[in-house]
């Protein structure tokens, strides 16, 4: 009976340990935000987020993380990061989070941006090529739906209207001889 209770308690604890990410950050070489998404309510205000980003940047900016991810424990959180030109990518998780999962998320973010931009990400490419449609992909579903509604609304008010598609052609029966 004791073994069943311990196993049941263990299973309940494992079910609660779903891997999760606290935040995704893309900062420039000065530690200023380009893209950020905080998934947990870790910080109470924008000023706290900005201060955290600056401290994180100051700690990691002098490292060489160009070819692969680096891992650092910062403010009781596991942070994996990578550099590309003048842009730094960060994935932040709980202090007990599996670093391999965070590295996989970082690699996916970096590879997706490289694919979309068709070049290694840098600040200028990110600022020039990303509009609300691309940035909405990083946001949670409810924010994406809001962004989609806003884009559809703005598309209806745009002055450019595509011509209607041509009517479908009817097949003509082959001529009989």
N, C-alpha and C. Protein backbone atom coordinates (compact mmCIF):
# COMPACT_ATOMS: atom_id res chain seq x y z
N UNK A 1 0.82 -1.19 0.00
CA UNK A 1 0.00 0.00 0.00
C UNK A 1 0.87 1.26 0.00
N UNK A 2 1.97 1.27 0.76
CA UNK A 2 2.85 2.42 0.82
C UNK A 2 3.48 2.67 -0.56
N UNK A 3 3.85 1.60 -1.24
CA UNK A 3 4.47 1.72 -2.56
C UNK A 3 3.52 2.34 -3.57
N UNK A 4 2.23 1.99 -3.53
CA UNK A 4 1.23 2.54 -4.45
C UNK A 4 1.03 4.03 -4.19
N UNK A 5 0.98 4.43 -2.93
CA UNK A 5 0.81 5.84 -2.59
C UNK A 5 2.02 6.66 -3.04
N UNK A 6 3.22 6.12 -2.83
CA UNK A 6 4.44 6.82 -3.25
C UNK A 6 4.49 6.94 -4.77
N UNK A 7 4.10 5.87 -5.48
CA UNK A 7 4.08 5.90 -6.94
C UNK A 7 3.06 6.92 -7.44
N UNK A 8 1.88 6.96 -6.82
CA UNK A 8 0.85 7.91 -7.20
C UNK A 8 1.32 9.34 -6.98
N UNK A 9 1.95 9.60 -5.82
CA UNK A 9 2.47 10.93 -5.52
C UNK A 9 3.58 11.31 -6.51
N UNK A 10 4.42 10.35 -6.86
CA UNK A 10 5.50 10.59 -7.82
C UNK A 10 4.94 10.93 -9.19
N UNK A 11 3.91 10.22 -9.62
CA UNK A 11 3.31 10.49 -10.93
C UNK A 11 2.68 11.87 -10.97
N UNK A 12 2.02 12.28 -9.88
CA UNK A 12 1.43 13.62 -9.82
C UNK A 12 2.51 14.69 -9.90
N UNK A 13 3.64 14.49 -9.26
CA UNK A 13 4.72 15.46 -9.30
C UNK A 13 5.31 15.54 -10.71
N UNK A 14 5.47 14.39 -11.38
CA UNK A 14 6.03 14.39 -12.73
C UNK A 14 5.10 15.08 -13.71
N UNK A 15 3.79 14.93 -13.52
CA UNK A 15 2.84 15.56 -14.42
C UNK A 15 2.92 17.08 -14.33
N UNK A 16 3.33 17.60 -13.17
CA UNK A 16 3.44 19.04 -12.99
C UNK A 16 4.75 19.61 -13.51
N UNK A 17 5.69 18.76 -13.86
CA UNK A 17 7.00 19.21 -14.31
C UNK A 17 7.10 19.23 -15.83
N UNK A 18 6.16 19.85 -16.46
CA UNK A 18 6.18 19.97 -17.91
C UNK A 18 7.22 21.02 -18.27
N UNK A 19 8.11 20.71 -19.21
CA UNK A 19 9.12 21.71 -19.58
C UNK A 19 8.46 23.00 -20.06
N UNK A 20 9.00 24.12 -19.61
CA UNK A 20 8.42 25.40 -20.00
C UNK A 20 9.52 26.45 -20.11
N UNK A 21 9.20 27.48 -20.86
CA UNK A 21 10.11 28.59 -21.08
C UNK A 21 9.52 29.81 -20.40
N UNK A 22 10.34 30.53 -19.67
CA UNK A 22 9.88 31.76 -19.02
C UNK A 22 9.87 32.93 -20.01
N UNK A 23 10.90 33.00 -20.86
CA UNK A 23 10.93 34.11 -21.80
C UNK A 23 11.87 33.84 -22.96
N UNK A 24 11.59 34.53 -24.07
CA UNK A 24 12.44 34.58 -25.26
C UNK A 24 12.84 36.02 -25.44
N UNK A 25 14.13 36.27 -25.65
CA UNK A 25 14.61 37.64 -25.83
C UNK A 25 15.53 37.71 -27.03
N UNK A 26 15.44 38.79 -27.76
CA UNK A 26 16.41 39.13 -28.79
C UNK A 26 16.84 40.56 -28.47
N UNK A 27 18.13 40.70 -28.11
CA UNK A 27 18.66 42.00 -27.72
C UNK A 27 19.77 42.41 -28.68
N UNK A 28 19.97 43.72 -28.82
CA UNK A 28 21.07 44.19 -29.65
C UNK A 28 22.36 44.20 -28.81
N UNK A 29 23.46 44.63 -29.41
CA UNK A 29 24.75 44.58 -28.73
C UNK A 29 24.84 45.58 -27.57
N UNK A 30 23.91 46.52 -27.48
CA UNK A 30 23.87 47.46 -26.36
C UNK A 30 22.96 46.97 -25.24
N UNK A 31 22.34 45.81 -25.41
CA UNK A 31 21.44 45.27 -24.41
C UNK A 31 20.03 45.79 -24.53
N UNK A 32 19.72 46.45 -25.64
CA UNK A 32 18.37 46.98 -25.83
C UNK A 32 17.50 45.95 -26.55
N UNK A 33 16.24 45.94 -26.21
CA UNK A 33 15.29 44.97 -26.71
C UNK A 33 14.98 45.17 -28.18
N UNK A 34 15.03 44.08 -28.94
CA UNK A 34 14.52 44.06 -30.31
C UNK A 34 13.20 43.32 -30.31
N UNK A 35 13.22 42.11 -29.77
CA UNK A 35 12.01 41.30 -29.62
C UNK A 35 12.05 40.68 -28.23
N UNK A 36 10.92 40.64 -27.56
CA UNK A 36 10.88 39.94 -26.28
C UNK A 36 9.50 39.35 -26.08
N UNK A 37 9.49 38.26 -25.37
CA UNK A 37 8.22 37.64 -25.01
C UNK A 37 8.40 36.98 -23.66
N UNK A 38 7.68 37.44 -22.66
CA UNK A 38 7.71 36.86 -21.33
C UNK A 38 6.46 36.01 -21.16
N UNK A 39 6.63 34.71 -20.92
CA UNK A 39 5.51 33.79 -20.81
C UNK A 39 5.02 33.62 -19.38
N UNK A 40 5.82 33.94 -18.42
CA UNK A 40 5.44 33.83 -17.01
C UNK A 40 5.44 35.22 -16.42
N UNK A 41 4.66 35.46 -15.39
CA UNK A 41 4.59 36.76 -14.74
C UNK A 41 5.76 36.99 -13.79
N UNK A 42 6.97 36.88 -14.28
CA UNK A 42 8.17 37.00 -13.45
C UNK A 42 8.42 38.44 -13.01
N UNK A 43 8.13 39.40 -13.87
CA UNK A 43 8.41 40.80 -13.58
C UNK A 43 7.11 41.59 -13.53
N UNK A 44 7.06 42.53 -12.60
CA UNK A 44 5.83 43.28 -12.38
C UNK A 44 5.66 44.43 -13.36
N UNK A 45 6.76 44.94 -13.91
CA UNK A 45 6.64 46.12 -14.77
C UNK A 45 7.64 46.05 -15.91
N UNK A 46 7.43 46.93 -16.86
CA UNK A 46 8.34 47.05 -18.00
C UNK A 46 9.72 47.49 -17.55
N UNK A 47 9.78 48.34 -16.54
CA UNK A 47 11.08 48.80 -16.02
C UNK A 47 11.89 47.64 -15.44
N UNK A 48 11.23 46.72 -14.75
CA UNK A 48 11.92 45.54 -14.21
C UNK A 48 12.42 44.64 -15.34
N UNK A 49 11.60 44.45 -16.38
CA UNK A 49 12.02 43.65 -17.52
C UNK A 49 13.25 44.27 -18.18
N UNK A 50 13.22 45.58 -18.39
CA UNK A 50 14.32 46.27 -19.04
C UNK A 50 15.59 46.19 -18.20
N UNK A 51 15.47 46.34 -16.89
CA UNK A 51 16.62 46.23 -16.00
C UNK A 51 17.21 44.82 -16.04
N UNK A 52 16.34 43.80 -16.05
CA UNK A 52 16.80 42.42 -16.15
C UNK A 52 17.54 42.21 -17.47
N UNK A 53 16.98 42.69 -18.56
CA UNK A 53 17.60 42.52 -19.87
C UNK A 53 18.98 43.18 -19.92
N UNK A 54 19.11 44.35 -19.33
CA UNK A 54 20.39 45.06 -19.32
C UNK A 54 21.43 44.30 -18.50
N UNK A 55 21.03 43.80 -17.31
CA UNK A 55 21.95 43.03 -16.48
C UNK A 55 22.37 41.74 -17.18
N UNK A 56 21.42 41.07 -17.83
CA UNK A 56 21.72 39.85 -18.55
C UNK A 56 22.68 40.12 -19.70
N UNK A 57 22.45 41.18 -20.42
CA UNK A 57 23.32 41.55 -21.53
C UNK A 57 24.72 41.87 -21.03
N UNK A 58 24.83 42.62 -19.94
CA UNK A 58 26.14 42.97 -19.38
C UNK A 58 26.92 41.73 -18.96
N UNK A 59 26.22 40.72 -18.47
CA UNK A 59 26.89 39.50 -18.02
C UNK A 59 27.35 38.64 -19.20
N UNK A 60 26.61 38.63 -20.29
CA UNK A 60 26.89 37.69 -21.38
C UNK A 60 27.55 38.31 -22.61
N UNK A 61 27.63 39.61 -22.71
CA UNK A 61 28.09 40.26 -23.94
C UNK A 61 29.56 39.96 -24.24
N UNK A 62 30.36 39.70 -23.23
CA UNK A 62 31.79 39.50 -23.45
C UNK A 62 32.15 38.05 -23.76
N UNK A 63 31.19 37.19 -23.89
CA UNK A 63 31.47 35.79 -24.20
C UNK A 63 31.40 35.56 -25.69
N UNK A 64 31.96 34.46 -26.14
CA UNK A 64 31.94 34.12 -27.55
C UNK A 64 30.95 32.98 -27.76
N UNK A 65 29.72 33.33 -28.08
CA UNK A 65 28.66 32.33 -28.25
C UNK A 65 28.16 32.34 -29.69
N UNK A 66 29.08 32.43 -30.66
CA UNK A 66 28.67 32.54 -32.06
C UNK A 66 28.19 31.22 -32.65
N UNK A 67 28.94 30.15 -32.44
CA UNK A 67 28.63 28.91 -33.13
C UNK A 67 27.71 27.97 -32.37
N UNK A 68 27.67 28.10 -31.08
CA UNK A 68 26.81 27.22 -30.30
C UNK A 68 26.29 27.94 -29.07
N UNK A 69 25.32 27.35 -28.45
CA UNK A 69 24.68 27.96 -27.30
C UNK A 69 25.58 27.88 -26.07
N UNK A 70 25.50 28.90 -25.27
CA UNK A 70 26.17 28.94 -23.97
C UNK A 70 25.08 28.91 -22.91
N UNK A 71 25.43 28.39 -21.73
CA UNK A 71 24.47 28.27 -20.64
C UNK A 71 25.00 29.02 -19.44
N UNK A 72 24.13 29.79 -18.79
CA UNK A 72 24.51 30.53 -17.59
C UNK A 72 23.33 30.52 -16.62
N UNK A 73 23.66 30.45 -15.33
CA UNK A 73 22.64 30.58 -14.29
C UNK A 73 22.64 32.05 -13.89
N UNK A 74 21.50 32.72 -14.06
CA UNK A 74 21.43 34.16 -13.81
C UNK A 74 20.12 34.48 -13.11
N UNK A 75 20.19 35.17 -12.00
CA UNK A 75 19.01 35.52 -11.19
C UNK A 75 18.13 34.31 -10.89
N UNK A 76 18.77 33.19 -10.54
CA UNK A 76 18.08 31.95 -10.21
C UNK A 76 17.25 31.41 -11.38
N UNK A 77 17.70 31.68 -12.60
CA UNK A 77 17.07 31.15 -13.80
C UNK A 77 18.15 30.61 -14.72
N UNK A 78 17.84 29.54 -15.43
CA UNK A 78 18.77 29.00 -16.42
C UNK A 78 18.56 29.79 -17.71
N UNK A 79 19.65 30.31 -18.25
CA UNK A 79 19.59 31.08 -19.48
C UNK A 79 20.53 30.46 -20.50
N UNK A 80 20.00 30.17 -21.68
CA UNK A 80 20.86 29.76 -22.79
C UNK A 80 20.84 30.89 -23.80
N UNK A 81 21.98 31.14 -24.41
CA UNK A 81 22.07 32.28 -25.32
C UNK A 81 23.03 32.00 -26.44
N UNK A 82 22.90 32.82 -27.47
CA UNK A 82 23.70 32.69 -28.67
C UNK A 82 23.81 34.05 -29.33
N UNK A 83 24.90 34.27 -30.04
CA UNK A 83 25.14 35.54 -30.71
C UNK A 83 25.13 35.34 -32.22
N UNK A 84 24.64 36.34 -32.92
CA UNK A 84 24.71 36.37 -34.38
C UNK A 84 24.93 37.82 -34.79
N UNK A 85 26.09 38.12 -35.32
CA UNK A 85 26.45 39.49 -35.72
C UNK A 85 26.29 40.42 -34.51
N UNK A 86 25.34 41.35 -34.57
CA UNK A 86 25.14 42.30 -33.48
C UNK A 86 23.86 42.03 -32.70
N UNK A 87 23.40 40.78 -32.71
CA UNK A 87 22.15 40.40 -32.06
C UNK A 87 22.42 39.21 -31.13
N UNK A 88 21.80 39.26 -29.95
CA UNK A 88 21.93 38.18 -28.97
C UNK A 88 20.55 37.56 -28.74
N UNK A 89 20.49 36.24 -28.80
CA UNK A 89 19.26 35.48 -28.60
C UNK A 89 19.32 34.79 -27.25
N UNK A 90 18.25 34.89 -26.47
CA UNK A 90 18.19 34.29 -25.14
C UNK A 90 16.91 33.49 -24.99
N UNK A 91 17.04 32.32 -24.37
CA UNK A 91 15.88 31.54 -23.94
C UNK A 91 16.08 31.29 -22.45
N UNK A 92 15.08 31.66 -21.66
CA UNK A 92 15.21 31.64 -20.21
C UNK A 92 14.18 30.68 -19.63
N UNK A 93 14.64 29.84 -18.70
CA UNK A 93 13.76 28.88 -18.05
C UNK A 93 13.95 28.87 -16.55
N UNK A 94 13.14 28.07 -15.89
CA UNK A 94 13.19 27.89 -14.44
C UNK A 94 14.57 27.33 -14.06
N UNK A 95 15.01 27.57 -12.83
CA UNK A 95 16.35 27.13 -12.42
C UNK A 95 16.53 25.62 -12.48
N UNK A 96 15.45 24.84 -12.42
CA UNK A 96 15.55 23.39 -12.49
C UNK A 96 15.22 22.85 -13.88
N UNK A 97 15.08 23.73 -14.85
CA UNK A 97 14.71 23.32 -16.21
C UNK A 97 15.86 22.56 -16.88
N UNK A 98 15.51 21.66 -17.74
CA UNK A 98 16.49 20.90 -18.51
C UNK A 98 17.12 21.81 -19.56
N UNK A 99 18.43 21.98 -19.49
CA UNK A 99 19.13 22.88 -20.40
C UNK A 99 19.01 22.44 -21.86
N UNK A 100 18.93 21.13 -22.09
CA UNK A 100 18.84 20.63 -23.46
C UNK A 100 17.54 21.07 -24.13
N UNK A 101 16.48 21.14 -23.37
CA UNK A 101 15.20 21.61 -23.92
C UNK A 101 15.30 23.09 -24.27
N UNK A 102 15.93 23.86 -23.39
CA UNK A 102 16.10 25.29 -23.67
C UNK A 102 17.00 25.52 -24.88
N UNK A 103 18.06 24.71 -25.01
CA UNK A 103 18.95 24.82 -26.16
C UNK A 103 18.20 24.47 -27.44
N UNK A 104 17.33 23.47 -27.38
CA UNK A 104 16.53 23.10 -28.56
C UNK A 104 15.60 24.24 -28.96
N UNK A 105 15.01 24.92 -27.98
CA UNK A 105 14.14 26.07 -28.28
C UNK A 105 14.96 27.21 -28.88
N UNK A 106 16.14 27.46 -28.35
CA UNK A 106 17.02 28.51 -28.87
C UNK A 106 17.43 28.20 -30.31
N UNK A 107 17.80 26.97 -30.56
CA UNK A 107 18.19 26.56 -31.91
C UNK A 107 17.02 26.71 -32.88
N UNK A 108 15.83 26.34 -32.45
CA UNK A 108 14.64 26.48 -33.30
C UNK A 108 14.37 27.95 -33.62
N UNK A 109 14.49 28.83 -32.62
CA UNK A 109 14.28 30.26 -32.84
C UNK A 109 15.31 30.80 -33.83
N UNK A 110 16.57 30.47 -33.62
CA UNK A 110 17.64 30.96 -34.48
C UNK A 110 17.47 30.44 -35.91
N UNK A 111 17.19 29.14 -36.05
CA UNK A 111 17.02 28.55 -37.39
C UNK A 111 15.81 29.12 -38.11
N UNK A 112 14.72 29.36 -37.37
CA UNK A 112 13.52 29.94 -37.99
C UNK A 112 13.80 31.35 -38.50
N UNK A 113 14.49 32.16 -37.71
CA UNK A 113 14.81 33.51 -38.14
C UNK A 113 15.79 33.50 -39.32
N UNK A 114 16.75 32.60 -39.30
CA UNK A 114 17.69 32.47 -40.42
C UNK A 114 16.95 32.09 -41.69
N UNK A 115 15.99 31.19 -41.57
CA UNK A 115 15.22 30.75 -42.72
C UNK A 115 14.34 31.87 -43.27
N UNK A 116 13.68 32.60 -42.40
CA UNK A 116 12.79 33.68 -42.84
C UNK A 116 13.58 34.81 -43.48
N UNK A 117 14.71 35.15 -42.87
CA UNK A 117 15.52 36.26 -43.37
C UNK A 117 16.41 35.88 -44.55
N UNK A 118 16.62 34.58 -44.73
CA UNK A 118 17.51 34.04 -45.77
C UNK A 118 18.95 34.53 -45.59
N UNK A 119 19.32 34.79 -44.37
CA UNK A 119 20.68 35.18 -44.01
C UNK A 119 20.81 35.05 -42.50
N UNK A 120 22.03 35.14 -42.00
CA UNK A 120 22.22 35.12 -40.56
C UNK A 120 21.57 36.37 -39.96
N UNK A 121 20.80 36.21 -38.92
CA UNK A 121 20.09 37.37 -38.35
C UNK A 121 21.04 38.45 -37.84
N UNK A 122 20.74 39.68 -38.15
CA UNK A 122 21.42 40.82 -37.56
C UNK A 122 20.35 41.88 -37.28
N UNK A 123 20.74 42.93 -36.58
CA UNK A 123 19.76 43.92 -36.13
C UNK A 123 19.05 44.58 -37.30
N UNK A 124 19.80 44.95 -38.31
CA UNK A 124 19.19 45.64 -39.44
C UNK A 124 18.19 44.74 -40.17
N UNK A 125 18.57 43.49 -40.41
CA UNK A 125 17.67 42.55 -41.09
C UNK A 125 16.40 42.34 -40.28
N UNK A 126 16.53 42.21 -38.97
CA UNK A 126 15.35 42.03 -38.13
C UNK A 126 14.45 43.25 -38.17
N UNK A 127 15.04 44.43 -38.06
CA UNK A 127 14.24 45.66 -38.04
C UNK A 127 13.61 45.94 -39.41
N UNK A 128 14.31 45.63 -40.50
CA UNK A 128 13.80 45.90 -41.83
C UNK A 128 12.73 44.93 -42.30
N UNK A 129 12.83 43.68 -41.88
CA UNK A 129 11.99 42.63 -42.46
C UNK A 129 10.86 42.14 -41.58
N UNK A 130 10.80 42.57 -40.35
CA UNK A 130 9.78 42.05 -39.48
C UNK A 130 8.68 43.06 -39.25
N UNK A 131 7.48 42.66 -39.61
CA UNK A 131 6.31 43.48 -39.33
C UNK A 131 5.43 42.72 -38.34
N UNK A 132 4.26 43.18 -38.12
CA UNK A 132 3.38 42.58 -37.11
C UNK A 132 3.04 41.12 -37.42
N UNK A 133 3.01 40.76 -38.69
CA UNK A 133 2.66 39.38 -39.04
C UNK A 133 3.73 38.41 -38.56
N UNK A 134 4.99 38.78 -38.70
CA UNK A 134 6.06 37.90 -38.25
C UNK A 134 6.20 37.90 -36.74
N UNK A 135 6.13 39.06 -36.14
CA UNK A 135 6.28 39.14 -34.70
C UNK A 135 5.12 38.46 -33.98
N UNK A 136 3.97 38.41 -34.61
CA UNK A 136 2.81 37.75 -34.00
C UNK A 136 3.05 36.26 -33.80
N UNK A 137 3.95 35.67 -34.57
CA UNK A 137 4.21 34.25 -34.45
C UNK A 137 4.89 33.90 -33.12
N UNK A 138 5.55 34.86 -32.50
CA UNK A 138 6.22 34.61 -31.23
C UNK A 138 5.25 34.76 -30.07
N UNK A 139 4.14 35.43 -30.28
CA UNK A 139 3.20 35.72 -29.22
C UNK A 139 2.29 34.52 -28.96
N UNK A 140 1.70 34.45 -27.76
CA UNK A 140 0.77 33.36 -27.48
C UNK A 140 -0.48 33.46 -28.34
N UNK A 141 -1.25 32.40 -28.36
CA UNK A 141 -2.39 32.30 -29.27
C UNK A 141 -3.37 33.47 -29.15
N UNK A 142 -3.73 33.87 -27.96
CA UNK A 142 -4.72 34.95 -27.81
C UNK A 142 -4.19 36.25 -28.41
N UNK A 143 -2.90 36.54 -28.23
CA UNK A 143 -2.32 37.74 -28.82
C UNK A 143 -2.24 37.61 -30.34
N UNK A 144 -1.95 36.38 -30.83
CA UNK A 144 -1.90 36.16 -32.28
C UNK A 144 -3.26 36.41 -32.90
N UNK A 145 -4.33 35.95 -32.20
CA UNK A 145 -5.68 36.16 -32.73
C UNK A 145 -6.00 37.64 -32.79
N UNK A 146 -5.60 38.38 -31.76
CA UNK A 146 -5.82 39.83 -31.76
C UNK A 146 -5.05 40.48 -32.89
N UNK A 147 -3.79 40.09 -33.08
CA UNK A 147 -2.97 40.65 -34.16
C UNK A 147 -3.57 40.30 -35.52
N UNK A 148 -4.08 39.08 -35.66
CA UNK A 148 -4.70 38.68 -36.93
C UNK A 148 -5.93 39.52 -37.23
N UNK A 149 -6.75 39.76 -36.20
CA UNK A 149 -7.93 40.60 -36.40
C UNK A 149 -7.53 42.01 -36.81
N UNK A 150 -6.49 42.55 -36.18
CA UNK A 150 -6.03 43.89 -36.53
C UNK A 150 -5.51 43.93 -37.96
N UNK A 151 -4.78 42.89 -38.37
CA UNK A 151 -4.26 42.86 -39.73
C UNK A 151 -5.39 42.75 -40.75
N UNK A 152 -6.40 41.92 -40.44
CA UNK A 152 -7.54 41.80 -41.36
C UNK A 152 -8.29 43.12 -41.45
N UNK A 153 -8.45 43.79 -40.32
CA UNK A 153 -9.14 45.07 -40.31
C UNK A 153 -8.36 46.10 -41.13
N UNK A 154 -7.04 46.13 -40.97
CA UNK A 154 -6.24 47.10 -41.72
C UNK A 154 -6.21 46.72 -43.20
N UNK A 155 -6.27 45.43 -43.51
CA UNK A 155 -6.28 45.02 -44.91
C UNK A 155 -7.56 45.47 -45.60
N UNK A 156 -8.67 45.50 -44.86
CA UNK A 156 -9.93 45.96 -45.45
C UNK A 156 -9.92 47.45 -45.73
N UNK A 157 -9.13 48.19 -44.97
CA UNK A 157 -9.10 49.63 -45.16
C UNK A 157 -7.99 50.09 -46.10
N UNK A 158 -7.15 49.15 -46.55
CA UNK A 158 -6.09 49.53 -47.49
C UNK A 158 -6.69 50.00 -48.80
N UNK A 159 -5.98 50.91 -49.49
CA UNK A 159 -6.49 51.45 -50.74
C UNK A 159 -6.30 50.48 -51.90
N UNK A 160 -5.39 49.55 -51.78
CA UNK A 160 -5.15 48.61 -52.86
C UNK A 160 -6.12 47.45 -52.76
N UNK A 161 -6.82 47.19 -53.83
CA UNK A 161 -7.72 46.03 -53.89
C UNK A 161 -7.34 45.21 -55.10
N UNK A 162 -7.14 43.95 -54.90
CA UNK A 162 -6.80 43.07 -56.01
C UNK A 162 -8.02 42.87 -56.89
N UNK A 163 -7.82 42.73 -58.18
CA UNK A 163 -8.97 42.48 -59.06
C UNK A 163 -9.57 41.12 -58.75
N UNK A 164 -10.85 40.96 -59.00
CA UNK A 164 -11.48 39.67 -58.71
C UNK A 164 -10.90 38.60 -59.64
N UNK A 165 -10.89 37.36 -59.18
CA UNK A 165 -10.35 36.30 -60.02
C UNK A 165 -11.24 36.08 -61.24
N UNK A 166 -10.66 35.61 -62.35
CA UNK A 166 -11.47 35.37 -63.54
C UNK A 166 -12.45 34.23 -63.29
N UNK A 167 -13.58 34.23 -64.01
CA UNK A 167 -14.55 33.15 -63.81
C UNK A 167 -13.96 31.83 -64.30
N UNK A 168 -14.41 30.73 -63.74
CA UNK A 168 -13.86 29.43 -64.17
C UNK A 168 -14.24 29.14 -65.62
N UNK A 169 -13.33 28.50 -66.32
CA UNK A 169 -13.59 28.12 -67.72
C UNK A 169 -14.44 26.87 -67.76
N UNK A 170 -15.30 26.84 -68.75
CA UNK A 170 -16.10 25.63 -68.95
C UNK A 170 -15.39 24.78 -69.97
N UNK A 171 -15.43 23.50 -69.73
CA UNK A 171 -14.83 22.59 -70.69
C UNK A 171 -15.75 22.45 -71.89
N UNK A 172 -15.13 22.46 -73.03
CA UNK A 172 -15.93 22.25 -74.25
C UNK A 172 -15.84 20.78 -74.60
N UNK A 173 -16.96 20.26 -75.01
CA UNK A 173 -17.00 18.86 -75.42
C UNK A 173 -16.19 18.69 -76.69
N UNK A 174 -15.44 17.60 -76.80
CA UNK A 174 -14.65 17.38 -78.02
C UNK A 174 -15.59 17.25 -79.24
N UNK A 175 -15.13 17.76 -80.36
CA UNK A 175 -15.96 17.70 -81.60
C UNK A 175 -16.01 16.26 -82.07
N UNK A 176 -17.22 15.83 -82.47
CA UNK A 176 -17.40 14.46 -82.99
C UNK A 176 -17.42 14.48 -84.49
N UNK A 177 -16.82 13.53 -85.06
CA UNK A 177 -16.78 13.47 -86.53
C UNK A 177 -17.64 12.40 -87.07
